[in-house]
Amino acid sequence: MSAFDELEAIRPHAIWKGVLARAVTGERLTLAVIELDPGAVVAEHSHDNEQLGIVLSGSMVLRVAGEERELGPGETYAVGPNTPHQAVAGAEGAVVIDVFAPRRDDWDALERPEPRAPRWP
């Protein structure tokens, strides 16, 4: 396996309806470019992984442990392990980068549609 890849060529994981993740996974963490369609909803959930993120484009409303904020390009967030959180993409959708530790092995069982044209800048 090569240490290099093209983000466009990475087959995405269908995480939620209208939410695709192109993941680069190492031994201990996962880095993912997440594409959220306009109005896409990530229902409240939690996971064992710590999650750090930054919005690249678009906007989303993120609620973490009851605290809610609308985020736009350049804004960051941190979600601790087993912390309830949810997101709703804005009218133009959103593209975010998320880093998870430990790695997101649970995504291995998800549907992997063919890559589409990317929505990131």
C-alpha atoms as a PDB file:
ATOM      1  CA  MET A   1       0.000   0.000   0.000  1.00  0.00           C
ATOM      2  CA  SER A   2       1.326   3.427  -0.950  1.00  0.00           C
ATOM      3  CA  ALA A   3       1.783   6.242   1.530  1.00  0.00           C
ATOM      4  CA  PHE A   4       0.244   8.636  -1.062  1.00  0.00           C
ATOM      5  CA  ASP A   5      -3.202   9.117  -2.622  1.00  0.00           C
ATOM      6  CA  GLU A   6      -5.373  11.718  -4.362  1.00  0.00           C
ATOM      7  CA  LEU A   7      -8.309  12.905  -2.262  1.00  0.00           C
ATOM      8  CA  GLU A   8     -10.599  12.921  -5.323  1.00  0.00           C
ATOM      9  CA  ALA A   9      -9.853   9.237  -5.938  1.00  0.00           C
ATOM     10  CA  ILE A  10     -10.674   8.092  -2.400  1.00  0.00           C
ATOM     11  CA  ARG A  11     -13.959   6.224  -2.413  1.00  0.00           C
ATOM     12  CA  PRO A  12     -16.191   7.963   0.150  1.00  0.00           C
ATOM     13  CA  HIS A  13     -18.067   6.399   3.053  1.00  0.00           C
ATOM     14  CA  ALA A  14     -21.815   7.183   3.156  1.00  0.00           C
ATOM     15  CA  ILE A  15     -21.980   8.255   6.812  1.00  0.00           C
ATOM     16  CA  TRP A  16     -25.508   9.717   6.921  1.00  0.00           C
ATOM     17  CA  LYS A  17     -28.030  10.664   4.239  1.00  0.00           C
ATOM     18  CA  GLY A  18     -26.371  13.520   2.355  1.00  0.00           C
ATOM     19  CA  VAL A  19     -23.075  13.151   4.235  1.00  0.00           C
ATOM     20  CA  LEU A  20     -19.991  11.604   2.619  1.00  0.00           C
ATOM     21  CA  ALA A  21     -16.560  11.137   4.212  1.00  0.00           C
ATOM     22  CA  ARG A  22     -13.316  10.611   2.296  1.00  0.00           C
ATOM     23  CA  ALA A  23     -11.060   9.070   4.916  1.00  0.00           C
ATOM     24  CA  VAL A  24      -7.319   8.725   5.207  1.00  0.00           C
ATOM     25  CA  THR A  25      -6.699   6.213   7.973  1.00  0.00           C
ATOM     26  CA  GLY A  26      -3.452   5.543   9.763  1.00  0.00           C
ATOM     27  CA  GLU A  27      -2.615   3.115  12.518  1.00  0.00           C
ATOM     28  CA  ARG A  28      -4.063   5.308  15.278  1.00  0.00           C
ATOM     29  CA  LEU A  29      -6.219   8.018  13.738  1.00  0.00           C
ATOM     30  CA  THR A  30      -8.510   8.928  10.855  1.00  0.00           C
ATOM     31  CA  LEU A  31      -8.451  12.196   8.937  1.00  0.00           C
ATOM     32  CA  ALA A  32     -11.609  12.770   6.889  1.00  0.00           C
ATOM     33  CA  VAL A  33     -12.903  15.371   4.473  1.00  0.00           C
ATOM     34  CA  ILE A  34     -16.646  15.430   5.138  1.00  0.00           C
ATOM     35  CA  GLU A  35     -19.040  16.758   2.493  1.00  0.00           C
ATOM     36  CA  LEU A  36     -22.505  17.706   3.781  1.00  0.00           C
ATOM     37  CA  ASP A  37     -25.279  18.387   1.277  1.00  0.00           C
ATOM     38  CA  PRO A  38     -27.434  21.491   1.856  1.00  0.00           C
ATOM     39  CA  GLY A  39     -29.626  20.917   4.903  1.00  0.00           C
ATOM     40  CA  ALA A  40     -28.085  17.503   5.671  1.00  0.00           C
ATOM     41  CA  VAL A  41     -28.716  16.343   9.230  1.00  0.00           C
ATOM     42  CA  VAL A  42     -26.265  14.403  11.359  1.00  0.00           C
ATOM     43  CA  ALA A  43     -28.527  13.133  14.135  1.00  0.00           C
ATOM     44  CA  GLU A  44     -27.353  13.319  17.723  1.00  0.00           C
ATOM     45  CA  HIS A  45     -24.882  10.557  18.447  1.00  0.00           C
ATOM     46  CA  SER A  46     -21.685   9.845  20.332  1.00  0.00           C
ATOM     47  CA  HIS A  47     -18.671   7.598  19.807  1.00  0.00           C
ATOM     48  CA  ASP A  48     -15.542   6.503  21.626  1.00  0.00           C
ATOM     49  CA  ASN A  49     -13.398   8.652  19.323  1.00  0.00           C
ATOM     50  CA  GLU A  50     -12.143  12.118  20.168  1.00  0.00           C
ATOM     51  CA  GLN A  51     -13.036  14.400  17.218  1.00  0.00           C
ATOM     52  CA  LEU A  52     -11.423  17.674  16.127  1.00  0.00           C
ATOM     53  CA  GLY A  53     -12.639  19.630  13.116  1.00  0.00           C
ATOM     54  CA  ILE A  54     -12.520  22.762  10.996  1.00  0.00           C
ATOM     55  CA  VAL A  55     -15.037  24.131   8.505  1.00  0.00           C
ATOM     56  CA  LEU A  56     -13.486  24.683   5.070  1.00  0.00           C
ATOM     57  CA  SER A  57     -16.542  26.014   3.228  1.00  0.00           C
ATOM     58  CA  GLY A  58     -20.253  26.539   3.729  1.00  0.00           C
ATOM     59  CA  SER A  59     -21.790  26.485   7.173  1.00  0.00           C
ATOM     60  CA  MET A  60     -23.371  24.209   9.745  1.00  0.00           C
ATOM     61  CA  VAL A  61     -25.018  24.419  13.116  1.00  0.00           C
ATOM     62  CA  LEU A  62     -23.177  22.151  15.536  1.00  0.00           C
ATOM     63  CA  ARG A  63     -24.394  21.196  18.997  1.00  0.00           C
ATOM     64  CA  VAL A  64     -21.901  19.615  21.390  1.00  0.00           C
ATOM     65  CA  ALA A  65     -23.064  18.536  24.853  1.00  0.00           C
ATOM     66  CA  GLY A  66     -25.947  21.008  24.720  1.00  0.00           C
ATOM     67  CA  GLU A  67     -23.885  23.999  23.499  1.00  0.00           C
ATOM     68  CA  GLU A  68     -24.902  25.125  20.004  1.00  0.00           C
ATOM     69  CA  ARG A  69     -23.145  27.355  17.504  1.00  0.00           C
ATOM     70  CA  GLU A  70     -23.330  28.216  13.804  1.00  0.00           C
ATOM     71  CA  LEU A  71     -19.911  27.645  12.243  1.00  0.00           C
ATOM     72  CA  GLY A  72     -18.441  28.962   9.006  1.00  0.00           C
ATOM     73  CA  PRO A  73     -15.118  28.757   7.170  1.00  0.00           C
ATOM     74  CA  GLY A  74     -12.102  28.751   9.463  1.00  0.00           C
ATOM     75  CA  GLU A  75     -14.029  27.933  12.635  1.00  0.00           C
ATOM     76  CA  THR A  76     -13.019  24.880  14.639  1.00  0.00           C
ATOM     77  CA  TYR A  77     -14.590  22.475  17.108  1.00  0.00           C
ATOM     78  CA  ALA A  78     -13.578  19.761  19.558  1.00  0.00           C
ATOM     79  CA  VAL A  79     -15.785  16.855  20.614  1.00  0.00           C
ATOM     80  CA  GLY A  80     -14.608  14.667  23.459  1.00  0.00           C
ATOM     81  CA  PRO A  81     -15.019  10.900  23.525  1.00  0.00           C
ATOM     82  CA  ASN A  82     -18.588   9.731  24.238  1.00  0.00           C
ATOM     83  CA  THR A  83     -19.908  13.308  24.043  1.00  0.00           C
ATOM     84  CA  PRO A  84     -23.344  13.741  22.403  1.00  0.00           C
ATOM     85  CA  HIS A  85     -23.241  15.963  19.317  1.00  0.00           C
ATOM     86  CA  GLN A  86     -25.251  16.709  16.183  1.00  0.00           C
ATOM     87  CA  ALA A  87     -24.960  18.900  13.094  1.00  0.00           C
ATOM     88  CA  VAL A  88     -27.206  20.483  10.455  1.00  0.00           C
ATOM     89  CA  ALA A  89     -25.624  21.813   7.267  1.00  0.00           C
ATOM     90  CA  GLY A  90     -26.500  25.302   6.066  1.00  0.00           C
ATOM     91  CA  ALA A  91     -28.349  26.209   2.864  1.00  0.00           C
ATOM     92  CA  GLU A  92     -25.202  25.813   0.741  1.00  0.00           C
ATOM     93  CA  GLY A  93     -23.984  22.680   2.524  1.00  0.00           C
ATOM     94  CA  ALA A  94     -20.581  22.416   4.143  1.00  0.00           C
ATOM     95  CA  VAL A  95     -17.174  20.834   3.755  1.00  0.00           C
ATOM     96  CA  VAL A  96     -15.245  20.095   6.928  1.00  0.00           C
ATOM     97  CA  ILE A  97     -12.076  18.303   7.932  1.00  0.00           C
ATOM     98  CA  ASP A  98     -12.430  15.974  10.908  1.00  0.00           C
ATOM     99  CA  VAL A  99      -9.685  14.095  12.732  1.00  0.00           C
ATOM    100  CA  PHE A 100     -10.650  11.124  14.913  1.00  0.00           C
ATOM    101  CA  ALA A 101      -8.571   9.230  17.466  1.00  0.00           C
ATOM    102  CA  PRO A 102      -8.621   6.339  17.717  1.00  0.00           C
ATOM    103  CA  ARG A 103      -9.277   5.572  14.045  1.00  0.00           C
ATOM    104  CA  ARG A 104     -12.858   5.108  12.750  1.00  0.00           C
ATOM    105  CA  ASP A 105     -12.846   1.353  12.171  1.00  0.00           C
ATOM    106  CA  ASP A 106     -16.664   1.384  12.427  1.00  0.00           C
ATOM    107  CA  TRP A 107     -16.796   3.114   9.022  1.00  0.00           C
ATOM    108  CA  ASP A 108     -15.403  -0.024   7.332  1.00  0.00           C
ATOM    109  CA  ALA A 109     -18.892  -1.575   7.262  1.00  0.00           C
ATOM    110  CA  LEU A 110     -20.551   1.440   5.576  1.00  0.00           C
ATOM    111  CA  GLU A 111     -21.608   1.773   1.944  1.00  0.00           C
ATOM    112  CA  ARG A 112     -18.867   3.183  -0.296  1.00  0.00           C
ATOM    113  CA  PRO A 113     -20.356   4.917  -3.353  1.00  0.00           C
ATOM    114  CA  GLU A 114     -18.219   5.791  -6.357  1.00  0.00           C
ATOM    115  CA  PRO A 115     -16.286   9.041  -5.951  1.00  0.00           C
ATOM    116  CA  ARG A 116     -18.075  12.125  -7.269  1.00  0.00           C
ATOM    117  CA  ALA A 117     -16.703  15.523  -8.143  1.00  0.00           C
ATOM    118  CA  PRO A 118     -15.465  17.061  -4.879  1.00  0.00           C
ATOM    119  CA  ARG A 119     -17.208  20.059  -3.284  1.00  0.00           C
ATOM    120  CA  TRP A 120     -14.182  21.469  -1.504  1.00  0.00           C
ATOM    121  CA  PRO A 121     -12.414  24.648  -2.561  1.00  0.00           C
END
